[in-house]
């Protein structure tokens, strides 16, 4: 099992775990920070019906069954195990560039634990 921590840059603000989306950062012990947005299938359908376009896309889109924290954590672990993580998420920097020079891996709170 790969060690990693999850942070929600805008906070964990979910109205419906089956119809919403959520930005997240995945942080590894080597201090690398990756970004992605978790969507549910219902949320994509909702956005398609609401929007003017006949398509939907998002950079770093990660589709999950629901937005429960445990589901997100397990889905990311599965993506790592299946070697798809680097295809889904984009590296946005290191702990020092994203969170500040005084922050280290041990001081980061995993918001999905």
PDB file of N, CA and C in Angstrom:
ATOM      1  N   UNK A   1       0.846  -1.184   0.000  1.00  0.00           N
ATOM      2  CA  UNK A   1       0.000   0.000   0.000  1.00  0.00           C
ATOM      3  C   UNK A   1       0.888   1.243   0.000  1.00  0.00           C
ATOM      4  N   UNK A   2       0.644   2.129  -0.924  1.00  0.00           N
ATOM      5  CA  UNK A   2       1.390   3.380  -1.050  1.00  0.00           C
ATOM      6  C   UNK A   2       0.927   4.366   0.014  1.00  0.00           C
ATOM      7  N   UNK A   3       1.889   5.019   0.655  1.00  0.00           N
ATOM      8  CA  UNK A   3       1.567   6.039   1.647  1.00  0.00           C
ATOM      9  C   UNK A   3       1.275   7.358   0.929  1.00  0.00           C
ATOM     10  N   UNK A   4       0.153   7.979   1.247  1.00  0.00           N
ATOM     11  CA  UNK A   4      -0.195   9.289   0.694  1.00  0.00           C
ATOM     12  C   UNK A   4      -1.224   9.940   1.603  1.00  0.00           C
ATOM     13  N   UNK A   5      -1.364  11.248   1.442  1.00  0.00           N
ATOM     14  CA  UNK A   5      -2.357  12.011   2.192  1.00  0.00           C
ATOM     15  C   UNK A   5      -3.193  12.825   1.214  1.00  0.00           C
ATOM     16  N   UNK A   6      -4.415  13.119   1.619  1.00  0.00           N
ATOM     17  CA  UNK A   6      -5.337  13.870   0.768  1.00  0.00           C
ATOM     18  C   UNK A   6      -5.747  15.152   1.475  1.00  0.00           C
ATOM     19  N   UNK A   7      -5.738  16.239   0.707  1.00  0.00           N
ATOM     20  CA  UNK A   7      -6.221  17.543   1.191  1.00  0.00           C
ATOM     21  C   UNK A   7      -7.238  18.064   0.188  1.00  0.00           C
ATOM     22  N   UNK A   8      -8.229  18.780   0.692  1.00  0.00           N
ATOM     23  CA  UNK A   8      -9.246  19.400  -0.151  1.00  0.00           C
ATOM     24  C   UNK A   8      -8.998  20.901  -0.153  1.00  0.00           C
ATOM     25  N   UNK A   9      -8.433  21.459  -1.244  1.00  0.00           N
ATOM     26  CA  UNK A   9      -8.056  22.881  -1.262  1.00  0.00           C
ATOM     27  C   UNK A   9      -9.197  23.834  -0.926  1.00  0.00           C
ATOM     28  N   UNK A  10     -10.406  23.502  -1.341  1.00  0.00           N
ATOM     29  CA  UNK A  10     -11.561  24.367  -1.062  1.00  0.00           C
ATOM     30  C   UNK A  10     -12.381  23.834   0.107  1.00  0.00           C
ATOM     31  N   UNK A  11     -11.842  22.862   0.817  1.00  0.00           N
ATOM     32  CA  UNK A  11     -12.575  22.238   1.910  1.00  0.00           C
ATOM     33  C   UNK A  11     -13.448  21.110   1.396  1.00  0.00           C
ATOM     34  N   UNK A  12     -13.866  20.259   2.309  1.00  0.00           N
ATOM     35  CA  UNK A  12     -14.747  19.146   1.955  1.00  0.00           C
ATOM     36  C   UNK A  12     -16.185  19.643   2.057  1.00  0.00           C
ATOM     37  N   UNK A  13     -16.669  20.157   0.931  1.00  0.00           N
ATOM     38  CA  UNK A  13     -18.018  20.721   0.875  1.00  0.00           C
ATOM     39  C   UNK A  13     -18.831  19.931  -0.140  1.00  0.00           C
ATOM     40  N   UNK A  14     -19.542  18.926   0.344  1.00  0.00           N
ATOM     41  CA  UNK A  14     -20.311  18.039  -0.519  1.00  0.00           C
ATOM     42  C   UNK A  14     -21.761  18.045  -0.050  1.00  0.00           C
ATOM     43  N   UNK A  15     -22.666  18.414  -0.947  1.00  0.00           N
ATOM     44  CA  UNK A  15     -24.091  18.419  -0.615  1.00  0.00           C
ATOM     45  C   UNK A  15     -24.734  17.052  -0.815  1.00  0.00           C
ATOM     46  N   UNK A  16     -24.289  16.335  -1.834  1.00  0.00           N
ATOM     47  CA  UNK A  16     -24.850  15.026  -2.162  1.00  0.00           C
ATOM     48  C   UNK A  16     -23.690  14.137  -2.598  1.00  0.00           C
ATOM     49  N   UNK A  17     -23.379  13.108  -1.829  1.00  0.00           N
ATOM     50  CA  UNK A  17     -22.207  12.278  -2.142  1.00  0.00           C
ATOM     51  C   UNK A  17     -22.342  11.554  -3.478  1.00  0.00           C
ATOM     52  N   UNK A  18     -23.554  11.477  -4.034  1.00  0.00           N
ATOM     53  CA  UNK A  18     -23.772  10.810  -5.314  1.00  0.00           C
ATOM     54  C   UNK A  18     -23.903  11.788  -6.485  1.00  0.00           C
ATOM     55  N   UNK A  19     -23.953  13.086  -6.203  1.00  0.00           N
ATOM     56  CA  UNK A  19     -24.105  14.077  -7.272  1.00  0.00           C
ATOM     57  C   UNK A  19     -23.353  15.343  -6.894  1.00  0.00           C
ATOM     58  N   UNK A  20     -22.046  15.291  -7.038  1.00  0.00           N
ATOM     59  CA  UNK A  20     -21.214  16.458  -6.731  1.00  0.00           C
ATOM     60  C   UNK A  20     -19.821  16.213  -7.296  1.00  0.00           C
ATOM     61  N   UNK A  21     -18.953  17.196  -7.147  1.00  0.00           N
ATOM     62  CA  UNK A  21     -17.552  17.045  -7.524  1.00  0.00           C
ATOM     63  C   UNK A  21     -16.704  17.766  -6.498  1.00  0.00           C
ATOM     64  N   UNK A  22     -15.431  17.422  -6.465  1.00  0.00           N
ATOM     65  CA  UNK A  22     -14.584  17.876  -5.376  1.00  0.00           C
ATOM     66  C   UNK A  22     -13.130  17.933  -5.831  1.00  0.00           C
ATOM     67  N   UNK A  23     -12.501  19.099  -5.667  1.00  0.00           N
ATOM     68  CA  UNK A  23     -11.067  19.222  -5.951  1.00  0.00           C
ATOM     69  C   UNK A  23     -10.272  18.603  -4.817  1.00  0.00           C
ATOM     70  N   UNK A  24      -9.156  17.976  -5.172  1.00  0.00           N
ATOM     71  CA  UNK A  24      -8.316  17.393  -4.132  1.00  0.00           C
ATOM     72  C   UNK A  24      -6.850  17.417  -4.524  1.00  0.00           C
ATOM     73  N   UNK A  25      -6.006  17.472  -3.497  1.00  0.00           N
ATOM     74  CA  UNK A  25      -4.565  17.335  -3.654  1.00  0.00           C
ATOM     75  C   UNK A  25      -4.152  16.020  -3.025  1.00  0.00           C
ATOM     76  N   UNK A  26      -3.286  15.291  -3.703  1.00  0.00           N
ATOM     77  CA  UNK A  26      -2.722  14.051  -3.180  1.00  0.00           C
ATOM     78  C   UNK A  26      -1.245  14.320  -2.921  1.00  0.00           C
ATOM     79  N   UNK A  27      -0.817  14.046  -1.696  1.00  0.00           N
ATOM     80  CA  UNK A  27       0.538  14.381  -1.262  1.00  0.00           C
ATOM     81  C   UNK A  27       1.264  13.093  -0.888  1.00  0.00           C
ATOM     82  N   UNK A  28       2.499  12.960  -1.374  1.00  0.00           N
ATOM     83  CA  UNK A  28       3.308  11.773  -1.117  1.00  0.00           C
ATOM     84  C   UNK A  28       4.471  12.100  -0.190  1.00  0.00           C
ATOM     85  N   UNK A  29       5.040  11.078   0.471  1.00  0.00           N
ATOM     86  CA  UNK A  29       6.157  11.305   1.398  1.00  0.00           C
ATOM     87  C   UNK A  29       7.382  11.963   0.762  1.00  0.00           C
ATOM     88  N   UNK A  30       7.528  11.867  -0.566  1.00  0.00           N
ATOM     89  CA  UNK A  30       8.650  12.542  -1.233  1.00  0.00           C
ATOM     90  C   UNK A  30       8.369  14.033  -1.435  1.00  0.00           C
ATOM     91  N   UNK A  31       7.253  14.519  -0.854  1.00  0.00           N
ATOM     92  CA  UNK A  31       6.821  15.923  -0.885  1.00  0.00           C
ATOM     93  C   UNK A  31       6.196  16.360  -2.207  1.00  0.00           C
ATOM     94  N   UNK A  32       5.939  15.442  -3.118  1.00  0.00           N
ATOM     95  CA  UNK A  32       5.263  15.805  -4.361  1.00  0.00           C
ATOM     96  C   UNK A  32       3.766  15.968  -4.100  1.00  0.00           C
ATOM     97  N   UNK A  33       3.168  16.929  -4.816  1.00  0.00           N
ATOM     98  CA  UNK A  33       1.741  17.239  -4.660  1.00  0.00           C
ATOM     99  C   UNK A  33       1.077  17.136  -6.032  1.00  0.00           C
ATOM    100  N   UNK A  34      -0.010  16.379  -6.097  1.00  0.00           N
ATOM    101  CA  UNK A  34      -0.761  16.180  -7.329  1.00  0.00           C
ATOM    102  C   UNK A  34      -2.179  16.708  -7.148  1.00  0.00           C
ATOM    103  N   UNK A  35      -2.789  17.127  -8.263  1.00  0.00           N
ATOM    104  CA  UNK A  35      -4.139  17.690  -8.237  1.00  0.00           C
ATOM    105  C   UNK A  35      -5.072  16.863  -9.107  1.00  0.00           C
ATOM    106  N   UNK A  36      -6.325  16.766  -8.676  1.00  0.00           N
ATOM    107  CA  UNK A  36      -7.369  16.157  -9.476  1.00  0.00           C
ATOM    108  C   UNK A  36      -8.728  16.620  -8.991  1.00  0.00           C
ATOM    109  N   UNK A  37      -9.737  16.364  -9.794  1.00  0.00           N
ATOM    110  CA  UNK A  37     -11.112  16.644  -9.394  1.00  0.00           C
ATOM    111  C   UNK A  37     -11.902  15.351  -9.470  1.00  0.00           C
ATOM    112  N   UNK A  38     -12.508  14.971  -8.351  1.00  0.00           N
ATOM    113  CA  UNK A  38     -13.349  13.777  -8.293  1.00  0.00           C
ATOM    114  C   UNK A  38     -14.773  14.157  -8.675  1.00  0.00           C
ATOM    115  N   UNK A  39     -15.331  13.412  -9.610  1.00  0.00           N
ATOM    116  CA  UNK A  39     -16.715  13.586 -10.048  1.00  0.00           C
ATOM    117  C   UNK A  39     -17.468  12.285  -9.813  1.00  0.00           C
ATOM    118  N   UNK A  40     -18.758  12.382  -9.574  1.00  0.00           N
ATOM    119  CA  UNK A  40     -19.616  11.200  -9.610  1.00  0.00           C
ATOM    120  C   UNK A  40     -20.284  11.149 -10.980  1.00  0.00           C
ATOM    121  N   UNK A  41     -20.718   9.964 -11.372  1.00  0.00           N
ATOM    122  CA  UNK A  41     -21.403   9.812 -12.655  1.00  0.00           C
ATOM    123  C   UNK A  41     -22.665  10.670 -12.688  1.00  0.00           C
ATOM    124  N   UNK A  42     -23.417  10.678 -11.586  1.00  0.00           N
ATOM    125  CA  UNK A  42     -24.635  11.502 -11.535  1.00  0.00           C
ATOM    126  C   UNK A  42     -24.317  12.980 -11.706  1.00  0.00           C
ATOM    127  N   UNK A  43     -23.188  13.423 -11.176  1.00  0.00           N
ATOM    128  CA  UNK A  43     -22.815  14.823 -11.299  1.00  0.00           C
ATOM    129  C   UNK A  43     -22.485  15.170 -12.745  1.00  0.00           C
ATOM    130  N   UNK A  44     -21.798  14.277 -13.430  1.00  0.00           N
ATOM    131  CA  UNK A  44     -21.489  14.515 -14.843  1.00  0.00           C
ATOM    132  C   UNK A  44     -22.783  14.588 -15.645  1.00  0.00           C
ATOM    133  N   UNK A  45     -23.707  13.680 -15.378  1.00  0.00           N
ATOM    134  CA  UNK A  45     -25.000  13.711 -16.066  1.00  0.00           C
ATOM    135  C   UNK A  45     -25.728  15.022 -15.777  1.00  0.00           C
ATOM    136  N   UNK A  46     -25.735  15.445 -14.527  1.00  0.00           N
ATOM    137  CA  UNK A  46     -26.378  16.701 -14.131  1.00  0.00           C
ATOM    138  C   UNK A  46     -25.748  17.885 -14.870  1.00  0.00           C
ATOM    139  N   UNK A  47     -24.430  17.928 -14.920  1.00  0.00           N
ATOM    140  CA  UNK A  47     -23.738  19.028 -15.595  1.00  0.00           C
ATOM    141  C   UNK A  47     -24.005  19.017 -17.095  1.00  0.00           C
ATOM    142  N   UNK A  48     -24.121  17.825 -17.687  1.00  0.00           N
ATOM    143  CA  UNK A  48     -24.429  17.723 -19.115  1.00  0.00           C
ATOM    144  C   UNK A  48     -25.836  18.253 -19.404  1.00  0.00           C
ATOM    145  N   UNK A  49     -26.776  17.892 -18.558  1.00  0.00           N
ATOM    146  CA  UNK A  49     -28.159  18.339 -18.761  1.00  0.00           C
ATOM    147  C   UNK A  49     -28.298  19.835 -18.546  1.00  0.00           C
ATOM    148  N   UNK A  50     -27.532  20.369 -17.623  1.00  0.00           N
ATOM    149  CA  UNK A  50     -27.599  21.786 -17.272  1.00  0.00           C
ATOM    150  C   UNK A  50     -26.853  22.663 -18.278  1.00  0.00           C
ATOM    151  N   UNK A  51     -25.799  22.132 -18.859  1.00  0.00           N
ATOM    152  CA  UNK A  51     -24.930  22.930 -19.719  1.00  0.00           C
ATOM    153  C   UNK A  51     -25.411  23.019 -21.153  1.00  0.00           C
ATOM    154  N   UNK A  52     -24.840  23.956 -21.901  1.00  0.00           N
ATOM    155  CA  UNK A  52     -25.267  24.173 -23.275  1.00  0.00           C
ATOM    156  C   UNK A  52     -24.588  23.245 -24.288  1.00  0.00           C
ATOM    157  N   UNK A  53     -23.540  22.529 -23.875  1.00  0.00           N
ATOM    158  CA  UNK A  53     -22.748  21.747 -24.822  1.00  0.00           C
ATOM    159  C   UNK A  53     -23.190  20.293 -24.878  1.00  0.00           C
ATOM    160  N   UNK A  54     -22.792  19.646 -25.957  1.00  0.00           N
ATOM    161  CA  UNK A  54     -23.080  18.229 -26.148  1.00  0.00           C
ATOM    162  C   UNK A  54     -21.937  17.346 -25.664  1.00  0.00           C
ATOM    163  N   UNK A  55     -21.037  17.903 -24.885  1.00  0.00           N
ATOM    164  CA  UNK A  55     -19.902  17.147 -24.356  1.00  0.00           C
ATOM    165  C   UNK A  55     -19.553  17.677 -22.973  1.00  0.00           C
ATOM    166  N   UNK A  56     -18.747  16.896 -22.270  1.00  0.00           N
ATOM    167  CA  UNK A  56     -18.250  17.308 -20.959  1.00  0.00           C
ATOM    168  C   UNK A  56     -16.818  16.830 -20.840  1.00  0.00           C
ATOM    169  N   UNK A  57     -15.988  17.684 -20.310  1.00  0.00           N
ATOM    170  CA  UNK A  57     -14.608  17.275 -20.051  1.00  0.00           C
ATOM    171  C   UNK A  57     -14.065  18.089 -18.895  1.00  0.00           C
ATOM    172  N   UNK A  58     -13.025  17.574 -18.286  1.00  0.00           N
ATOM    173  CA  UNK A  58     -12.324  18.286 -17.223  1.00  0.00           C
ATOM    174  C   UNK A  58     -10.895  17.764 -17.168  1.00  0.00           C
ATOM    175  N   UNK A  59      -9.971  18.658 -16.952  1.00  0.00           N
ATOM    176  CA  UNK A  59      -8.580  18.265 -16.760  1.00  0.00           C
ATOM    177  C   UNK A  59      -8.487  17.525 -15.435  1.00  0.00           C
ATOM    178  N   UNK A  60      -7.712  16.460 -15.397  1.00  0.00           N
ATOM    179  CA  UNK A  60      -7.469  15.699 -14.164  1.00  0.00           C
ATOM    180  C   UNK A  60      -8.763  15.168 -13.553  1.00  0.00           C
ATOM    181  N   UNK A  61      -9.692  14.728 -14.404  1.00  0.00           N
ATOM    182  CA  UNK A  61     -10.976  14.204 -13.946  1.00  0.00           C
ATOM    183  C   UNK A  61     -10.803  12.783 -13.422  1.00  0.00           C
ATOM    184  N   UNK A  62     -11.367  12.538 -12.240  1.00  0.00           N
ATOM    185  CA  UNK A  62     -11.290  11.248 -11.566  1.00  0.00           C
ATOM    186  C   UNK A  62     -12.713  10.874 -11.162  1.00  0.00           C
ATOM    187  N   UNK A  63     -13.304   9.894 -11.839  1.00  0.00           N
ATOM    188  CA  UNK A  63     -14.695   9.527 -11.591  1.00  0.00           C
ATOM    189  C   UNK A  63     -14.744   8.454 -10.505  1.00  0.00           C
ATOM    190  N   UNK A  64     -15.549   8.712  -9.483  1.00  0.00           N
ATOM    191  CA  UNK A  64     -15.676   7.791  -8.350  1.00  0.00           C
ATOM    192  C   UNK A  64     -17.150   7.431  -8.141  1.00  0.00           C
ATOM    193  N   UNK A  65     -17.391   6.324  -7.436  1.00  0.00           N
ATOM    194  CA  UNK A  65     -18.766   5.871  -7.180  1.00  0.00           C
ATOM    195  C   UNK A  65     -19.544   6.861  -6.338  1.00  0.00           C
ATOM    196  N   UNK A  66     -18.873   7.420  -5.333  1.00  0.00           N
ATOM    197  CA  UNK A  66     -19.482   8.432  -4.473  1.00  0.00           C
ATOM    198  C   UNK A  66     -18.364   9.260  -3.856  1.00  0.00           C
ATOM    199  N   UNK A  67     -18.724  10.325  -3.182  1.00  0.00           N
ATOM    200  CA  UNK A  67     -17.726  11.239  -2.621  1.00  0.00           C
ATOM    201  C   UNK A  67     -17.526  11.060  -1.120  1.00  0.00           C
ATOM    202  N   UNK A  68     -17.811   9.875  -0.602  1.00  0.00           N
ATOM    203  CA  UNK A  68     -17.439   9.600   0.778  1.00  0.00           C
ATOM    204  C   UNK A  68     -15.913   9.575   0.848  1.00  0.00           C
ATOM    205  N   UNK A  69     -15.381  10.059   1.935  1.00  0.00           N
ATOM    206  CA  UNK A  69     -13.925  10.144   2.062  1.00  0.00           C
ATOM    207  C   UNK A  69     -13.256   8.786   1.911  1.00  0.00           C
ATOM    208  N   UNK A  70     -13.835   7.745   2.476  1.00  0.00           N
ATOM    209  CA  UNK A  70     -13.243   6.412   2.382  1.00  0.00           C
ATOM    210  C   UNK A  70     -13.241   5.914   0.941  1.00  0.00           C
ATOM    211  N   UNK A  71     -14.283   6.243   0.180  1.00  0.00           N
ATOM    212  CA  UNK A  71     -14.341   5.858  -1.233  1.00  0.00           C
ATOM    213  C   UNK A  71     -13.240   6.554  -2.016  1.00  0.00           C
ATOM    214  N   UNK A  72     -13.059   7.842  -1.778  1.00  0.00           N
ATOM    215  CA  UNK A  72     -12.015   8.602  -2.465  1.00  0.00           C
ATOM    216  C   UNK A  72     -10.646   8.009  -2.148  1.00  0.00           C
ATOM    217  N   UNK A  73     -10.383   7.746  -0.879  1.00  0.00           N
ATOM    218  CA  UNK A  73      -9.087   7.190  -0.460  1.00  0.00           C
ATOM    219  C   UNK A  73      -8.834   5.843  -1.138  1.00  0.00           C
ATOM    220  N   UNK A  74      -9.832   4.958  -1.124  1.00  0.00           N
ATOM    221  CA  UNK A  74      -9.680   3.645  -1.749  1.00  0.00           C
ATOM    222  C   UNK A  74      -9.512   3.759  -3.260  1.00  0.00           C
ATOM    223  N   UNK A  75     -10.242   4.659  -3.890  1.00  0.00           N
ATOM    224  CA  UNK A  75     -10.146   4.828  -5.340  1.00  0.00           C
ATOM    225  C   UNK A  75      -8.759   5.322  -5.744  1.00  0.00           C
ATOM    226  N   UNK A  76      -8.195   6.235  -4.972  1.00  0.00           N
ATOM    227  CA  UNK A  76      -6.840   6.709  -5.271  1.00  0.00           C
ATOM    228  C   UNK A  76      -5.842   5.575  -5.083  1.00  0.00           C
ATOM    229  N   UNK A  77      -5.985   4.792  -4.015  1.00  0.00           N
ATOM    230  CA  UNK A  77      -5.096   3.644  -3.813  1.00  0.00           C
ATOM    231  C   UNK A  77      -5.213   2.668  -4.981  1.00  0.00           C
ATOM    232  N   UNK A  78      -6.427   2.431  -5.466  1.00  0.00           N
ATOM    233  CA  UNK A  78      -6.621   1.555  -6.625  1.00  0.00           C
ATOM    234  C   UNK A  78      -5.928   2.119  -7.863  1.00  0.00           C
ATOM    235  N   UNK A  79      -6.043   3.419  -8.088  1.00  0.00           N
ATOM    236  CA  UNK A  79      -5.393   4.046  -9.244  1.00  0.00           C
ATOM    237  C   UNK A  79      -3.874   3.911  -9.155  1.00  0.00           C
ATOM    238  N   UNK A  80      -3.331   4.029  -7.948  1.00  0.00           N
ATOM    239  CA  UNK A  80      -1.890   3.834  -7.748  1.00  0.00           C
ATOM    240  C   UNK A  80      -1.528   2.381  -8.040  1.00  0.00           C
ATOM    241  N   UNK A  81      -2.266   1.450  -7.450  1.00  0.00           N
ATOM    242  CA  UNK A  81      -1.988   0.022  -7.641  1.00  0.00           C
ATOM    243  C   UNK A  81      -2.086  -0.391  -9.104  1.00  0.00           C
ATOM    244  N   UNK A  82      -3.050   0.186  -9.824  1.00  0.00           N
ATOM    245  CA  UNK A  82      -3.258  -0.142 -11.234  1.00  0.00           C
ATOM    246  C   UNK A  82      -2.344   0.648 -12.167  1.00  0.00           C
ATOM    247  N   UNK A  83      -1.494   1.489 -11.600  1.00  0.00           N
ATOM    248  CA  UNK A  83      -0.517   2.314 -12.330  1.00  0.00           C
ATOM    249  C   UNK A  83      -1.171   3.326 -13.277  1.00  0.00           C
ATOM    250  N   UNK A  84      -2.331   3.834 -12.883  1.00  0.00           N
ATOM    251  CA  UNK A  84      -3.005   4.881 -13.652  1.00  0.00           C
ATOM    252  C   UNK A  84      -2.913   6.250 -12.991  1.00  0.00           C
ATOM    253  N   UNK A  85      -2.401   6.294 -11.775  1.00  0.00           N
ATOM    254  CA  UNK A  85      -2.397   7.547 -11.016  1.00  0.00           C
ATOM    255  C   UNK A  85      -1.785   8.698 -11.814  1.00  0.00           C
ATOM    256  N   UNK A  86      -0.610   8.494 -12.404  1.00  0.00           N
ATOM    257  CA  UNK A  86       0.080   9.574 -13.123  1.00  0.00           C
ATOM    258  C   UNK A  86      -0.617   9.971 -14.420  1.00  0.00           C
ATOM    259  N   UNK A  87      -1.518   9.135 -14.905  1.00  0.00           N
ATOM    260  CA  UNK A  87      -2.307   9.492 -16.084  1.00  0.00           C
ATOM    261  C   UNK A  87      -3.531  10.321 -15.706  1.00  0.00           C
ATOM    262  N   UNK A  88      -3.988  10.165 -14.475  1.00  0.00           N
ATOM    263  CA  UNK A  88      -5.201  10.840 -14.008  1.00  0.00           C
ATOM    264  C   UNK A  88      -4.892  12.189 -13.375  1.00  0.00           C
ATOM    265  N   UNK A  89      -3.891  12.217 -12.505  1.00  0.00           N
ATOM    266  CA  UNK A  89      -3.573  13.404 -11.714  1.00  0.00           C
ATOM    267  C   UNK A  89      -2.357  14.125 -12.287  1.00  0.00           C
ATOM    268  N   UNK A  90      -2.295  15.439 -12.090  1.00  0.00           N
ATOM    269  CA  UNK A  90      -1.156  16.251 -12.538  1.00  0.00           C
ATOM    270  C   UNK A  90      -0.360  16.736 -11.341  1.00  0.00           C
ATOM    271  N   UNK A  91       0.960  16.632 -11.458  1.00  0.00           N
ATOM    272  CA  UNK A  91       1.800  17.164 -10.388  1.00  0.00           C
ATOM    273  C   UNK A  91       1.777  18.684 -10.469  1.00  0.00           C
ATOM    274  N   UNK A  92       1.468  19.324  -9.341  1.00  0.00           N
ATOM    275  CA  UNK A  92       1.379  20.790  -9.311  1.00  0.00           C
ATOM    276  C   UNK A  92       2.526  21.424  -8.537  1.00  0.00           C
ATOM    277  N   UNK A  93       3.409  20.609  -7.999  1.00  0.00           N
ATOM    278  CA  UNK A  93       4.553  21.153  -7.273  1.00  0.00           C
ATOM    279  C   UNK A  93       4.944  20.259  -6.121  1.00  0.00           C
ATOM    280  N   UNK A  94       5.630  20.875  -5.173  1.00  0.00           N
ATOM    281  CA  UNK A  94       6.070  20.179  -3.968  1.00  0.00           C
ATOM    282  C   UNK A  94       5.359  20.791  -2.763  1.00  0.00           C
ATOM    283  N   UNK A  95       5.535  20.174  -1.609  1.00  0.00           N
ATOM    284  CA  UNK A  95       4.922  20.732  -0.397  1.00  0.00           C
ATOM    285  C   UNK A  95       5.331  22.178  -0.181  1.00  0.00           C
ATOM    286  N   UNK A  96       6.615  22.481  -0.395  1.00  0.00           N
ATOM    287  CA  UNK A  96       7.081  23.851  -0.135  1.00  0.00           C
ATOM    288  C   UNK A  96       6.507  24.848  -1.134  1.00  0.00           C
ATOM    289  N   UNK A  97       6.311  24.446  -2.388  1.00  0.00           N
ATOM    290  CA  UNK A  97       5.773  25.393  -3.377  1.00  0.00           C
ATOM    291  C   UNK A  97       4.258  25.538  -3.272  1.00  0.00           C
ATOM    292  N   UNK A  98       3.570  24.498  -2.807  1.00  0.00           N
ATOM    293  CA  UNK A  98       2.108  24.542  -2.720  1.00  0.00           C
ATOM    294  C   UNK A  98       1.633  25.029  -1.358  1.00  0.00           C
ATOM    295  N   UNK A  99       2.302  24.589  -0.286  1.00  0.00           N
ATOM    296  CA  UNK A  99       1.828  24.881   1.073  1.00  0.00           C
ATOM    297  C   UNK A  99       2.769  25.758   1.894  1.00  0.00           C
ATOM    298  N   UNK A 100       3.966  26.024   1.396  1.00  0.00           N
ATOM    299  CA  UNK A 100       4.901  26.875   2.128  1.00  0.00           C
ATOM    300  C   UNK A 100       6.120  26.110   2.605  1.00  0.00           C
ATOM    301  N   UNK A 101       7.209  26.834   2.752  1.00  0.00           N
ATOM    302  CA  UNK A 101       8.498  26.219   3.082  1.00  0.00           C
ATOM    303  C   UNK A 101       8.523  25.539   4.441  1.00  0.00           C
ATOM    304  N   UNK A 102       7.705  25.972   5.379  1.00  0.00           N
ATOM    305  CA  UNK A 102       7.747  25.405   6.728  1.00  0.00           C
ATOM    306  C   UNK A 102       6.916  24.127   6.869  1.00  0.00           C
ATOM    307  N   UNK A 103       6.264  23.696   5.795  1.00  0.00           N
ATOM    308  CA  UNK A 103       5.391  22.523   5.848  1.00  0.00           C
ATOM    309  C   UNK A 103       6.163  21.286   5.404  1.00  0.00           C
ATOM    310  N   UNK A 104       6.029  20.209   6.174  1.00  0.00           N
ATOM    311  CA  UNK A 104       6.606  18.935   5.762  1.00  0.00           C
ATOM    312  C   UNK A 104       5.514  17.865   5.773  1.00  0.00           C
ATOM    313  N   UNK A 105       5.834  16.716   5.236  1.00  0.00           N
ATOM    314  CA  UNK A 105       4.837  15.650   5.085  1.00  0.00           C
ATOM    315  C   UNK A 105       4.191  15.278   6.414  1.00  0.00           C
ATOM    316  N   UNK A 106       4.992  15.167   7.454  1.00  0.00           N
ATOM    317  CA  UNK A 106       4.461  14.768   8.760  1.00  0.00           C
ATOM    318  C   UNK A 106       3.486  15.788   9.340  1.00  0.00           C
ATOM    319  N   UNK A 107       3.627  17.051   8.952  1.00  0.00           N
ATOM    320  CA  UNK A 107       2.740  18.086   9.496  1.00  0.00           C
ATOM    321  C   UNK A 107       1.415  18.203   8.732  1.00  0.00           C
ATOM    322  N   UNK A 108       1.325  17.545   7.585  1.00  0.00           N
ATOM    323  CA  UNK A 108       0.096  17.580   6.787  1.00  0.00           C
ATOM    324  C   UNK A 108      -0.932  16.623   7.388  1.00  0.00           C
ATOM    325  N   UNK A 109      -2.139  17.114   7.587  1.00  0.00           N
ATOM    326  CA  UNK A 109      -3.234  16.285   8.088  1.00  0.00           C
ATOM    327  C   UNK A 109      -3.948  15.652   6.897  1.00  0.00           C
ATOM    328  N   UNK A 110      -4.089  14.339   6.936  1.00  0.00           N
ATOM    329  CA  UNK A 110      -4.828  13.631   5.895  1.00  0.00           C
ATOM    330  C   UNK A 110      -6.314  13.867   6.140  1.00  0.00           C
ATOM    331  N   UNK A 111      -6.972  14.586   5.236  1.00  0.00           N
ATOM    332  CA  UNK A 111      -8.379  14.921   5.416  1.00  0.00           C
ATOM    333  C   UNK A 111      -9.313  13.766   5.057  1.00  0.00           C
ATOM    334  N   UNK A 112      -8.739  12.623   4.680  1.00  0.00           N
ATOM    335  CA  UNK A 112      -9.558  11.441   4.386  1.00  0.00           C
ATOM    336  C   UNK A 112      -9.323  10.322   5.389  1.00  0.00           C
ATOM    337  N   UNK A 113      -8.690  10.621   6.508  1.00  0.00           N
ATOM    338  CA  UNK A 113      -8.469   9.542   7.483  1.00  0.00           C
ATOM    339  C   UNK A 113      -9.353   9.709   8.694  1.00  0.00           C
TER     340      UNK A 113
END
